[in-house]
Amino acid sequence: MYFNYKKFHLFLSMALVDAHYRFLYVNIGANGGASDGGVFRNCSLGEALEESCAGLPDPEPLPGDDKDYAMEACP
């Protein structure tokens, strides 16, 4: 299960860090044959983002920028 396509054993890990290099989220232990997108989709962070309950601040324009970066709802 932890044998990847390059024929060696592997545990996949994913981390989210802030601008000060502090770890905010770590997921370790996905099987070596999984894709990056599959690992992200099935981790608790991916699920929280999908359900809009990850505790992210509301989007707002950057200083000096009048564009609205709010995400559009998917049809």
Protein backbone atom coordinates (compact mmCIF):
# COMPACT_ATOMS: atom_id res chain seq x y z
CA MET A 1 0.00 0.00 0.00
CA TYR A 2 2.91 2.39 0.68
CA PHE A 3 4.81 1.29 -2.43
CA ASN A 4 4.94 4.06 -5.05
CA TYR A 5 5.24 4.03 -8.85
CA LYS A 6 9.05 4.35 -8.62
CA LYS A 7 9.11 0.98 -6.85
CA PHE A 8 10.08 2.05 -3.33
CA HIS A 9 8.21 2.54 -0.06
CA LEU A 10 7.01 6.02 0.72
CA PHE A 11 4.83 7.93 3.17
CA LEU A 12 3.42 11.14 1.72
CA SER A 13 3.26 14.27 3.82
CA MET A 14 1.67 17.66 3.29
CA ALA A 15 2.11 20.82 5.34
CA LEU A 16 0.67 24.32 5.42
CA VAL A 17 2.95 27.07 6.76
CA ASP A 18 2.47 30.79 7.31
CA ALA A 19 4.68 33.69 6.25
CA HIS A 20 6.76 33.23 9.41
CA TYR A 21 7.54 29.55 8.59
CA ARG A 22 5.24 28.28 11.35
CA PHE A 23 3.47 25.01 10.64
CA LEU A 24 -0.30 25.50 10.70
CA TYR A 25 -1.29 22.05 9.44
CA VAL A 26 0.54 18.76 8.89
CA ASN A 27 -0.75 15.55 7.36
CA ILE A 28 1.64 12.58 7.39
CA GLY A 29 1.06 9.03 6.34
CA ALA A 30 -0.85 8.95 3.06
CA ASN A 31 0.15 5.95 1.00
CA GLY A 32 2.94 6.33 -1.55
CA GLY A 33 0.76 5.57 -4.56
CA ALA A 34 -1.68 8.43 -3.91
CA SER A 35 -1.65 11.60 -5.99
CA ASP A 36 -1.06 15.02 -4.43
CA GLY A 37 -4.59 16.06 -5.34
CA GLY A 38 -6.04 12.88 -3.87
CA VAL A 39 -4.17 13.36 -0.61
CA PHE A 40 -5.34 16.98 -0.36
CA ARG A 41 -8.93 16.14 -1.26
CA ASN A 42 -9.12 13.44 1.42
CA CYS A 43 -7.34 15.23 4.27
CA SER A 44 -9.17 17.19 6.96
CA LEU A 45 -7.85 20.52 5.62
CA GLY A 46 -9.19 19.81 2.12
CA GLU A 47 -12.55 18.82 3.57
CA ALA A 48 -12.69 21.96 5.77
CA LEU A 49 -11.92 24.20 2.78
CA GLU A 50 -14.54 22.44 0.67
CA GLU A 51 -17.16 22.92 3.40
CA SER A 52 -16.07 26.55 4.07
CA CYS A 53 -15.39 25.82 7.75
CA ALA A 54 -11.59 26.18 7.81
CA GLY A 55 -11.73 29.48 9.71
CA LEU A 56 -10.18 31.56 6.94
CA PRO A 57 -10.74 35.33 7.04
CA ASP A 58 -13.10 36.90 4.53
CA PRO A 59 -11.42 37.98 1.29
CA GLU A 60 -10.59 41.65 0.98
CA PRO A 61 -8.66 43.76 -1.54
CA LEU A 62 -4.94 44.20 -1.14
CA PRO A 63 -3.79 47.67 -0.04
CA GLY A 64 -3.92 50.01 -3.02
CA ASP A 65 -5.96 47.53 -5.09
CA ASP A 66 -9.68 47.97 -5.76
CA LYS A 67 -10.30 44.50 -7.26
CA ASP A 68 -12.68 42.12 -5.48
CA TYR A 69 -11.05 38.73 -5.03
CA ALA A 70 -14.06 36.98 -3.55
CA MET A 71 -14.51 33.51 -4.96
CA GLU A 72 -17.44 33.04 -7.27
CA ALA A 73 -19.95 30.34 -6.40
CA CYS A 74 -19.72 27.25 -8.57
CA PRO A 75 -22.80 26.46 -10.67
